[in-house]
Amino acid sequence: MDEDKKYKTPQGTIAIMIIFVILIIALWGSAYLTLLSRGVTQ
């Protein structure tokens, strides 16, 4: 039980990683939609 108290889950790091992944998905999605709207994929 003492070891469980020493090592806490790095919740701040997990939150930053989730925000980073969402940001990357949003940026790539926006670039993809821009390409679709310009008709580049045809």
N, C-alpha and C. Protein backbone atom coordinates (compact mmCIF):
# COMPACT_ATOMS: atom_id res chain seq x y z
N MET A 1 0.82 -1.20 0.00
CA MET A 1 0.00 0.00 0.00
C MET A 1 0.86 1.26 0.00
N ASP A 2 2.03 1.19 0.59
CA ASP A 2 2.91 2.35 0.61
C ASP A 2 3.38 2.71 -0.80
N GLU A 3 3.60 1.69 -1.65
CA GLU A 3 4.06 1.96 -3.02
C GLU A 3 2.97 2.64 -3.83
N ASP A 4 1.70 2.30 -3.58
CA ASP A 4 0.60 2.94 -4.30
C ASP A 4 0.53 4.43 -3.99
N LYS A 5 0.85 4.80 -2.77
CA LYS A 5 0.81 6.21 -2.40
C LYS A 5 1.99 6.98 -2.99
N LYS A 6 3.12 6.30 -3.20
CA LYS A 6 4.30 6.98 -3.74
C LYS A 6 4.10 7.34 -5.21
N TYR A 7 3.53 6.41 -5.97
CA TYR A 7 3.43 6.60 -7.42
C TYR A 7 1.98 6.89 -7.80
N LYS A 8 1.69 8.16 -8.04
CA LYS A 8 0.35 8.55 -8.46
C LYS A 8 0.31 8.60 -9.99
N THR A 9 -0.87 8.43 -10.53
CA THR A 9 -1.03 8.53 -11.98
C THR A 9 -0.76 9.95 -12.43
N PRO A 10 0.11 10.12 -13.45
CA PRO A 10 0.42 11.47 -13.94
C PRO A 10 -0.73 12.06 -14.73
N GLN A 11 -1.73 12.56 -14.02
CA GLN A 11 -2.96 13.02 -14.68
C GLN A 11 -2.72 14.26 -15.54
N GLY A 12 -1.80 15.11 -15.14
CA GLY A 12 -1.50 16.30 -15.94
C GLY A 12 -0.91 15.91 -17.28
N THR A 13 -0.01 14.92 -17.27
CA THR A 13 0.61 14.45 -18.51
C THR A 13 -0.43 13.82 -19.41
N ILE A 14 -1.32 13.04 -18.84
CA ILE A 14 -2.38 12.40 -19.64
C ILE A 14 -3.28 13.47 -20.26
N ALA A 15 -3.60 14.50 -19.50
CA ALA A 15 -4.45 15.58 -20.03
C ALA A 15 -3.76 16.30 -21.18
N ILE A 16 -2.47 16.57 -21.04
CA ILE A 16 -1.72 17.25 -22.10
C ILE A 16 -1.67 16.37 -23.35
N MET A 17 -1.46 15.06 -23.17
CA MET A 17 -1.42 14.15 -24.32
C MET A 17 -2.78 14.12 -25.03
N ILE A 18 -3.87 14.09 -24.28
CA ILE A 18 -5.21 14.07 -24.89
C ILE A 18 -5.46 15.36 -25.66
N ILE A 19 -5.08 16.50 -25.06
CA ILE A 19 -5.25 17.79 -25.75
C ILE A 19 -4.41 17.82 -27.02
N PHE A 20 -3.18 17.30 -26.96
CA PHE A 20 -2.29 17.28 -28.11
C PHE A 20 -2.88 16.42 -29.23
N VAL A 21 -3.39 15.25 -28.89
CA VAL A 21 -3.96 14.35 -29.91
C VAL A 21 -5.19 14.99 -30.55
N ILE A 22 -6.04 15.61 -29.74
CA ILE A 22 -7.23 16.28 -30.28
C ILE A 22 -6.83 17.43 -31.19
N LEU A 23 -5.80 18.17 -30.81
CA LEU A 23 -5.32 19.28 -31.63
C LEU A 23 -4.79 18.78 -32.97
N ILE A 24 -4.00 17.71 -32.95
CA ILE A 24 -3.46 17.15 -34.19
C ILE A 24 -4.59 16.68 -35.10
N ILE A 25 -5.58 15.97 -34.52
CA ILE A 25 -6.71 15.49 -35.32
C ILE A 25 -7.48 16.67 -35.92
N ALA A 26 -7.68 17.73 -35.14
CA ALA A 26 -8.41 18.90 -35.64
C ALA A 26 -7.64 19.58 -36.77
N LEU A 27 -6.33 19.72 -36.63
CA LEU A 27 -5.54 20.38 -37.67
C LEU A 27 -5.52 19.56 -38.96
N TRP A 28 -5.31 18.23 -38.84
CA TRP A 28 -5.31 17.40 -40.04
C TRP A 28 -6.70 17.37 -40.67
N GLY A 29 -7.74 17.34 -39.86
CA GLY A 29 -9.10 17.35 -40.39
C GLY A 29 -9.39 18.63 -41.15
N SER A 30 -8.92 19.74 -40.61
CA SER A 30 -9.12 21.02 -41.28
C SER A 30 -8.36 21.07 -42.61
N ALA A 31 -7.15 20.55 -42.64
CA ALA A 31 -6.38 20.51 -43.88
C ALA A 31 -7.06 19.60 -44.91
N TYR A 32 -7.57 18.46 -44.45
CA TYR A 32 -8.26 17.52 -45.34
C TYR A 32 -9.52 18.15 -45.92
N LEU A 33 -10.30 18.82 -45.08
CA LEU A 33 -11.52 19.46 -45.57
C LEU A 33 -11.20 20.59 -46.55
N THR A 34 -10.10 21.29 -46.32
CA THR A 34 -9.69 22.33 -47.25
C THR A 34 -9.35 21.73 -48.61
N LEU A 35 -8.62 20.60 -48.59
CA LEU A 35 -8.30 19.93 -49.85
C LEU A 35 -9.56 19.45 -50.55
N LEU A 36 -10.51 18.90 -49.81
CA LEU A 36 -11.75 18.44 -50.42
C LEU A 36 -12.53 19.60 -51.02
N SER A 37 -12.58 20.72 -50.33
CA SER A 37 -13.35 21.86 -50.84
C SER A 37 -12.72 22.47 -52.09
N ARG A 38 -11.41 22.34 -52.23
CA ARG A 38 -10.73 22.86 -53.41
C ARG A 38 -10.74 21.86 -54.55
N GLY A 39 -11.16 20.63 -54.30
CA GLY A 39 -11.22 19.62 -55.35
C GLY A 39 -9.86 19.07 -55.74
N VAL A 40 -8.92 19.07 -54.82
CA VAL A 40 -7.55 18.63 -55.13
C VAL A 40 -7.51 17.11 -55.30
N THR A 41 -8.40 16.39 -54.63
CA THR A 41 -8.34 14.93 -54.66
C THR A 41 -8.91 14.31 -55.93
N GLN A 42 -9.46 15.13 -56.82
CA GLN A 42 -10.06 14.58 -58.05
C GLN A 42 -9.01 14.43 -59.12
